[in-house]
C-alpha atoms as a PDB file:
ATOM      1  CA  UNK A   1      45.382 -67.812 -39.404  1.00  0.00           C
ATOM      2  CA  UNK A   2      42.527 -65.509 -38.368  1.00  0.00           C
ATOM      3  CA  UNK A   3      45.007 -62.648 -37.918  1.00  0.00           C
ATOM      4  CA  UNK A   4      46.276 -63.147 -41.461  1.00  0.00           C
ATOM      5  CA  UNK A   5      42.752 -63.204 -42.887  1.00  0.00           C
ATOM      6  CA  UNK A   6      41.799 -60.042 -40.994  1.00  0.00           C
ATOM      7  CA  UNK A   7      45.004 -58.365 -42.123  1.00  0.00           C
ATOM      8  CA  UNK A   8      44.282 -59.252 -45.738  1.00  0.00           C
ATOM      9  CA  UNK A   9      40.702 -57.987 -45.461  1.00  0.00           C
ATOM     10  CA  UNK A  10      41.920 -54.657 -44.090  1.00  0.00           C
ATOM     11  CA  UNK A  11      44.655 -54.405 -46.719  1.00  0.00           C
ATOM     12  CA  UNK A  12      42.284 -55.230 -49.582  1.00  0.00           C
ATOM     13  CA  UNK A  13      39.754 -52.723 -48.279  1.00  0.00           C
ATOM     14  CA  UNK A  14      42.499 -50.083 -48.180  1.00  0.00           C
ATOM     15  CA  UNK A  15      43.633 -50.915 -51.686  1.00  0.00           C
ATOM     16  CA  UNK A  16      40.099 -51.009 -53.037  1.00  0.00           C
ATOM     17  CA  UNK A  17      38.766 -47.886 -51.310  1.00  0.00           C
ATOM     18  CA  UNK A  18      41.772 -45.617 -50.941  1.00  0.00           C
ATOM     19  CA  UNK A  19      43.874 -46.325 -53.983  1.00  0.00           C
ATOM     20  CA  UNK A  20      41.315 -45.911 -56.747  1.00  0.00           C
ATOM     21  CA  UNK A  21      42.658 -43.568 -59.398  1.00  0.00           C
ATOM     22  CA  UNK A  22      40.630 -41.359 -61.702  1.00  0.00           C
ATOM     23  CA  UNK A  23      41.705 -43.568 -64.613  1.00  0.00           C
ATOM     24  CA  UNK A  24      39.997 -46.521 -62.902  1.00  0.00           C
ATOM     25  CA  UNK A  25      36.717 -44.617 -62.739  1.00  0.00           C
ATOM     26  CA  UNK A  26      37.053 -43.623 -66.399  1.00  0.00           C
ATOM     27  CA  UNK A  27      37.649 -47.254 -67.387  1.00  0.00           C
ATOM     28  CA  UNK A  28      34.396 -48.098 -65.613  1.00  0.00           C
ATOM     29  CA  UNK A  29      32.485 -45.404 -67.505  1.00  0.00           C
ATOM     30  CA  UNK A  30      32.898 -42.103 -65.645  1.00  0.00           C
ATOM     31  CA  UNK A  31      32.824 -39.268 -68.180  1.00  0.00           C
ATOM     32  CA  UNK A  32      35.073 -36.314 -67.463  1.00  0.00           C
ATOM     33  CA  UNK A  33      35.820 -33.271 -69.603  1.00  0.00           C
ATOM     34  CA  UNK A  34      39.022 -31.351 -70.170  1.00  0.00           C
ATOM     35  CA  UNK A  35      40.925 -29.112 -67.791  1.00  0.00           C
ATOM     36  CA  UNK A  36      39.321 -30.515 -64.634  1.00  0.00           C
ATOM     37  CA  UNK A  37      40.867 -30.409 -61.175  1.00  0.00           C
ATOM     38  CA  UNK A  38      39.753 -33.280 -58.943  1.00  0.00           C
ATOM     39  CA  UNK A  39      41.427 -32.718 -55.574  1.00  0.00           C
ATOM     40  CA  UNK A  40      42.698 -35.405 -53.176  1.00  0.00           C
ATOM     41  CA  UNK A  41      40.112 -37.336 -51.225  1.00  0.00           C
ATOM     42  CA  UNK A  42      37.195 -36.760 -53.612  1.00  0.00           C
ATOM     43  CA  UNK A  43      34.800 -39.717 -53.487  1.00  0.00           C
ATOM     44  CA  UNK A  44      33.110 -40.646 -56.740  1.00  0.00           C
ATOM     45  CA  UNK A  45      30.453 -43.351 -56.543  1.00  0.00           C
ATOM     46  CA  UNK A  46      32.573 -46.341 -57.558  1.00  0.00           C
ATOM     47  CA  UNK A  47      29.653 -48.753 -57.790  1.00  0.00           C
ATOM     48  CA  UNK A  48      27.779 -46.587 -60.332  1.00  0.00           C
ATOM     49  CA  UNK A  49      30.426 -44.180 -61.657  1.00  0.00           C
ATOM     50  CA  UNK A  50      29.203 -44.585 -65.254  1.00  0.00           C
ATOM     51  CA  UNK A  51      26.160 -42.549 -64.188  1.00  0.00           C
ATOM     52  CA  UNK A  52      28.390 -39.538 -63.440  1.00  0.00           C
ATOM     53  CA  UNK A  53      29.271 -36.991 -66.120  1.00  0.00           C
ATOM     54  CA  UNK A  54      31.654 -34.109 -65.387  1.00  0.00           C
ATOM     55  CA  UNK A  55      32.027 -31.276 -67.910  1.00  0.00           C
ATOM     56  CA  UNK A  56      35.014 -29.111 -68.822  1.00  0.00           C
ATOM     57  CA  UNK A  57      36.861 -26.768 -66.442  1.00  0.00           C
ATOM     58  CA  UNK A  58      35.358 -28.292 -63.297  1.00  0.00           C
ATOM     59  CA  UNK A  59      37.060 -28.043 -59.917  1.00  0.00           C
ATOM     60  CA  UNK A  60      36.071 -30.453 -57.159  1.00  0.00           C
ATOM     61  CA  UNK A  61      37.673 -29.565 -53.821  1.00  0.00           C
ATOM     62  CA  UNK A  62      39.011 -32.122 -51.301  1.00  0.00           C
ATOM     63  CA  UNK A  63      36.702 -34.701 -49.738  1.00  0.00           C
ATOM     64  CA  UNK A  64      33.638 -33.864 -51.826  1.00  0.00           C
ATOM     65  CA  UNK A  65      31.258 -36.778 -52.471  1.00  0.00           C
ATOM     66  CA  UNK A  66      29.397 -37.449 -55.695  1.00  0.00           C
ATOM     67  CA  UNK A  67      26.842 -40.243 -55.338  1.00  0.00           C
ATOM     68  CA  UNK A  68      24.803 -41.922 -58.073  1.00  0.00           C
ATOM     69  CA  UNK A  69      23.025 -44.311 -55.727  1.00  0.00           C
ATOM     70  CA  UNK A  70      21.109 -44.142 -52.459  1.00  0.00           C
ATOM     71  CA  UNK A  71      20.880 -47.431 -50.577  1.00  0.00           C
ATOM     72  CA  UNK A  72      18.561 -46.069 -47.868  1.00  0.00           C
ATOM     73  CA  UNK A  73      15.623 -47.726 -49.630  1.00  0.00           C
ATOM     74  CA  UNK A  74      17.224 -51.185 -49.784  1.00  0.00           C
ATOM     75  CA  UNK A  75      15.910 -52.361 -46.401  1.00  0.00           C
ATOM     76  CA  UNK A  76      12.459 -50.923 -47.082  1.00  0.00           C
ATOM     77  CA  UNK A  77      11.714 -52.349 -50.509  1.00  0.00           C
ATOM     78  CA  UNK A  78      14.751 -54.425 -51.545  1.00  0.00           C
ATOM     79  CA  UNK A  79      15.782 -51.848 -54.145  1.00  0.00           C
ATOM     80  CA  UNK A  80      18.499 -49.229 -54.190  1.00  0.00           C
ATOM     81  CA  UNK A  81      17.680 -45.896 -55.800  1.00  0.00           C
ATOM     82  CA  UNK A  82      20.022 -44.889 -58.618  1.00  0.00           C
ATOM     83  CA  UNK A  83      20.185 -41.873 -60.892  1.00  0.00           C
ATOM     84  CA  UNK A  84      22.643 -39.924 -62.991  1.00  0.00           C
ATOM     85  CA  UNK A  85      24.661 -36.948 -61.800  1.00  0.00           C
ATOM     86  CA  UNK A  86      25.676 -34.252 -64.262  1.00  0.00           C
ATOM     87  CA  UNK A  87      28.163 -31.531 -63.466  1.00  0.00           C
ATOM     88  CA  UNK A  88      28.192 -29.077 -66.343  1.00  0.00           C
ATOM     89  CA  UNK A  89      31.078 -26.863 -67.525  1.00  0.00           C
ATOM     90  CA  UNK A  90      32.886 -24.315 -65.333  1.00  0.00           C
ATOM     91  CA  UNK A  91      31.535 -25.564 -61.997  1.00  0.00           C
ATOM     92  CA  UNK A  92      33.269 -25.308 -58.625  1.00  0.00           C
ATOM     93  CA  UNK A  93      32.311 -27.788 -55.899  1.00  0.00           C
ATOM     94  CA  UNK A  94      33.641 -26.899 -52.449  1.00  0.00           C
ATOM     95  CA  UNK A  95      35.328 -29.137 -49.909  1.00  0.00           C
ATOM     96  CA  UNK A  96      33.148 -31.787 -48.271  1.00  0.00           C
ATOM     97  CA  UNK A  97      30.135 -30.973 -50.432  1.00  0.00           C
ATOM     98  CA  UNK A  98      27.794 -33.905 -51.086  1.00  0.00           C
ATOM     99  CA  UNK A  99      26.089 -34.243 -54.458  1.00  0.00           C
ATOM    100  CA  UNK A 100      23.170 -36.682 -54.340  1.00  0.00           C
ATOM    101  CA  UNK A 101      21.794 -38.872 -57.164  1.00  0.00           C
ATOM    102  CA  UNK A 102      19.582 -37.235 -59.767  1.00  0.00           C
ATOM    103  CA  UNK A 103      21.251 -33.835 -59.515  1.00  0.00           C
ATOM    104  CA  UNK A 104      22.506 -31.607 -62.316  1.00  0.00           C
ATOM    105  CA  UNK A 105      24.813 -28.739 -61.409  1.00  0.00           C
ATOM    106  CA  UNK A 106      24.290 -26.087 -64.099  1.00  0.00           C
ATOM    107  CA  UNK A 107      27.066 -24.316 -65.992  1.00  0.00           C
ATOM    108  CA  UNK A 108      29.116 -21.658 -64.219  1.00  0.00           C
ATOM    109  CA  UNK A 109      27.787 -22.540 -60.759  1.00  0.00           C
ATOM    110  CA  UNK A 110      29.408 -22.713 -57.347  1.00  0.00           C
ATOM    111  CA  UNK A 111      28.552 -25.226 -54.623  1.00  0.00           C
ATOM    112  CA  UNK A 112      29.801 -23.953 -51.255  1.00  0.00           C
ATOM    113  CA  UNK A 113      31.908 -26.143 -49.001  1.00  0.00           C
ATOM    114  CA  UNK A 114      29.897 -28.522 -46.834  1.00  0.00           C
ATOM    115  CA  UNK A 115      26.710 -28.177 -48.870  1.00  0.00           C
ATOM    116  CA  UNK A 116      24.373 -31.122 -49.398  1.00  0.00           C
ATOM    117  CA  UNK A 117      22.897 -30.853 -52.873  1.00  0.00           C
ATOM    118  CA  UNK A 118      19.633 -32.807 -53.155  1.00  0.00           C
ATOM    119  CA  UNK A 119      18.084 -30.900 -56.074  1.00  0.00           C
ATOM    120  CA  UNK A 120      19.436 -29.636 -59.367  1.00  0.00           C
ATOM    121  CA  UNK A 121      21.213 -26.271 -59.405  1.00  0.00           C
ATOM    122  CA  UNK A 122      20.375 -23.761 -62.160  1.00  0.00           C
ATOM    123  CA  UNK A 123      23.192 -22.371 -64.296  1.00  0.00           C
ATOM    124  CA  UNK A 124      25.117 -19.420 -62.878  1.00  0.00           C
ATOM    125  CA  UNK A 125      23.971 -19.974 -59.296  1.00  0.00           C
ATOM    126  CA  UNK A 126      25.778 -20.060 -55.986  1.00  0.00           C
ATOM    127  CA  UNK A 127      24.318 -22.600 -53.550  1.00  0.00           C
ATOM    128  CA  UNK A 128      25.084 -23.367 -49.917  1.00  0.00           C
ATOM    129  CA  UNK A 129      23.656 -25.202 -46.933  1.00  0.00           C
ATOM    130  CA  UNK A 130      21.909 -28.405 -45.926  1.00  0.00           C
ATOM    131  CA  UNK A 131      19.945 -28.848 -48.028  1.00  0.00           C
ATOM    132  CA  UNK A 132      21.702 -26.555 -50.512  1.00  0.00           C
ATOM    133  CA  UNK A 133      19.720 -23.503 -51.535  1.00  0.00           C
ATOM    134  CA  UNK A 134      20.477 -20.684 -53.945  1.00  0.00           C
ATOM    135  CA  UNK A 135      22.098 -17.857 -51.998  1.00  0.00           C
ATOM    136  CA  UNK A 136      22.960 -15.589 -54.921  1.00  0.00           C
ATOM    137  CA  UNK A 137      23.604 -15.527 -58.636  1.00  0.00           C
ATOM    138  CA  UNK A 138      27.092 -15.883 -60.035  1.00  0.00           C
ATOM    139  CA  UNK A 139      26.882 -12.343 -61.429  1.00  0.00           C
ATOM    140  CA  UNK A 140      26.041 -10.861 -58.001  1.00  0.00           C
ATOM    141  CA  UNK A 141      28.728 -12.961 -56.325  1.00  0.00           C
ATOM    142  CA  UNK A 142      31.411 -11.920 -58.802  1.00  0.00           C
ATOM    143  CA  UNK A 143      30.344  -8.268 -58.697  1.00  0.00           C
ATOM    144  CA  UNK A 144      30.567  -8.220 -54.892  1.00  0.00           C
ATOM    145  CA  UNK A 145      33.834 -10.161 -54.894  1.00  0.00           C
ATOM    146  CA  UNK A 146      35.385  -7.943 -57.564  1.00  0.00           C
ATOM    147  CA  UNK A 147      34.419  -4.796 -55.649  1.00  0.00           C
ATOM    148  CA  UNK A 148      35.904  -6.278 -52.486  1.00  0.00           C
ATOM    149  CA  UNK A 149      39.054  -7.257 -54.389  1.00  0.00           C
ATOM    150  CA  UNK A 150      39.531  -3.741 -55.697  1.00  0.00           C
ATOM    151  CA  UNK A 151      39.206  -2.304 -52.168  1.00  0.00           C
ATOM    152  CA  UNK A 152      41.322  -4.921 -50.387  1.00  0.00           C
ATOM    153  CA  UNK A 153      44.889  -4.001 -49.510  1.00  0.00           C
ATOM    154  CA  UNK A 154      45.565  -7.697 -48.916  1.00  0.00           C
ATOM    155  CA  UNK A 155      46.263  -8.993 -52.399  1.00  0.00           C
ATOM    156  CA  UNK A 156      49.120 -11.456 -52.684  1.00  0.00           C
ATOM    157  CA  UNK A 157      50.915 -12.589 -55.816  1.00  0.00           C
ATOM    158  CA  UNK A 158      52.085 -16.030 -56.938  1.00  0.00           C
ATOM    159  CA  UNK A 159      55.178 -15.872 -54.674  1.00  0.00           C
ATOM    160  CA  UNK A 160      52.819 -16.361 -51.723  1.00  0.00           C
ATOM    161  CA  UNK A 161      51.853 -19.911 -52.777  1.00  0.00           C
ATOM    162  CA  UNK A 162      53.495 -23.303 -52.389  1.00  0.00           C
ATOM    163  CA  UNK A 163      54.161 -23.394 -56.130  1.00  0.00           C
ATOM    164  CA  UNK A 164      55.665 -19.916 -55.849  1.00  0.00           C
ATOM    165  CA  UNK A 165      58.036 -21.282 -53.194  1.00  0.00           C
ATOM    166  CA  UNK A 166      56.716 -19.148 -50.316  1.00  0.00           C
ATOM    167  CA  UNK A 167      59.299 -18.465 -47.608  1.00  0.00           C
ATOM    168  CA  UNK A 168      58.710 -18.718 -43.856  1.00  0.00           C
ATOM    169  CA  UNK A 169      58.991 -14.934 -43.630  1.00  0.00           C
ATOM    170  CA  UNK A 170      56.292 -14.532 -46.316  1.00  0.00           C
ATOM    171  CA  UNK A 171      54.062 -17.030 -44.483  1.00  0.00           C
ATOM    172  CA  UNK A 172      54.334 -14.936 -41.303  1.00  0.00           C
ATOM    173  CA  UNK A 173      53.651 -11.698 -43.179  1.00  0.00           C
ATOM    174  CA  UNK A 174      50.632 -13.247 -44.856  1.00  0.00           C
ATOM    175  CA  UNK A 175      49.272 -14.586 -41.572  1.00  0.00           C
ATOM    176  CA  UNK A 176      49.601 -11.219 -39.811  1.00  0.00           C
ATOM    177  CA  UNK A 177      48.087  -9.263 -42.693  1.00  0.00           C
ATOM    178  CA  UNK A 178      45.116 -11.644 -42.913  1.00  0.00           C
ATOM    179  CA  UNK A 179      44.388 -11.925 -39.201  1.00  0.00           C
ATOM    180  CA  UNK A 180      40.610 -11.379 -38.953  1.00  0.00           C
ATOM    181  CA  UNK A 181      40.540 -10.105 -42.569  1.00  0.00           C
ATOM    182  CA  UNK A 182      39.878 -11.503 -46.000  1.00  0.00           C
ATOM    183  CA  UNK A 183      42.539 -11.223 -48.676  1.00  0.00           C
ATOM    184  CA  UNK A 184      43.095 -12.487 -52.181  1.00  0.00           C
ATOM    185  CA  UNK A 185      45.761 -14.370 -54.060  1.00  0.00           C
ATOM    186  CA  UNK A 186      46.366 -13.860 -57.775  1.00  0.00           C
END
């Protein structure tokens, strides 16, 4: 009997934690704009998702976390801190970034992979690190990137993607051409 109960607990935990769909969050109050790309494994604060607002044209890379609560205070004073999280239009949040409660990510900003964002990010900023800090403006980042793009011989077209049905030969070519170099894909 104990084995069955433990099995059910594990199964329910899996269902509850791993099989939550974006529609479930929206039903609970999450606000999300149009043309957003929420990648697999993104964790949205289920227990307070109505405090999260995501604008239009937002990309959130795999395994990013967006939290609207912080239970670290619960043992100290019997209260859990909560606050809203706002992600404005045209934002990119990198893989495994962590967005803490009370943060606004301004329009046209980039949060680098692995960053821990504890304070709001001004519009058109690029932030990185733990804690995340502004490393450049979007204009400087795009100017540098565009100059690099124009000088790079390693620009690949759509055929070099999974959706473009990349062949094994193309994968090998791409690997060799990008060994210890940066390239770009259209």
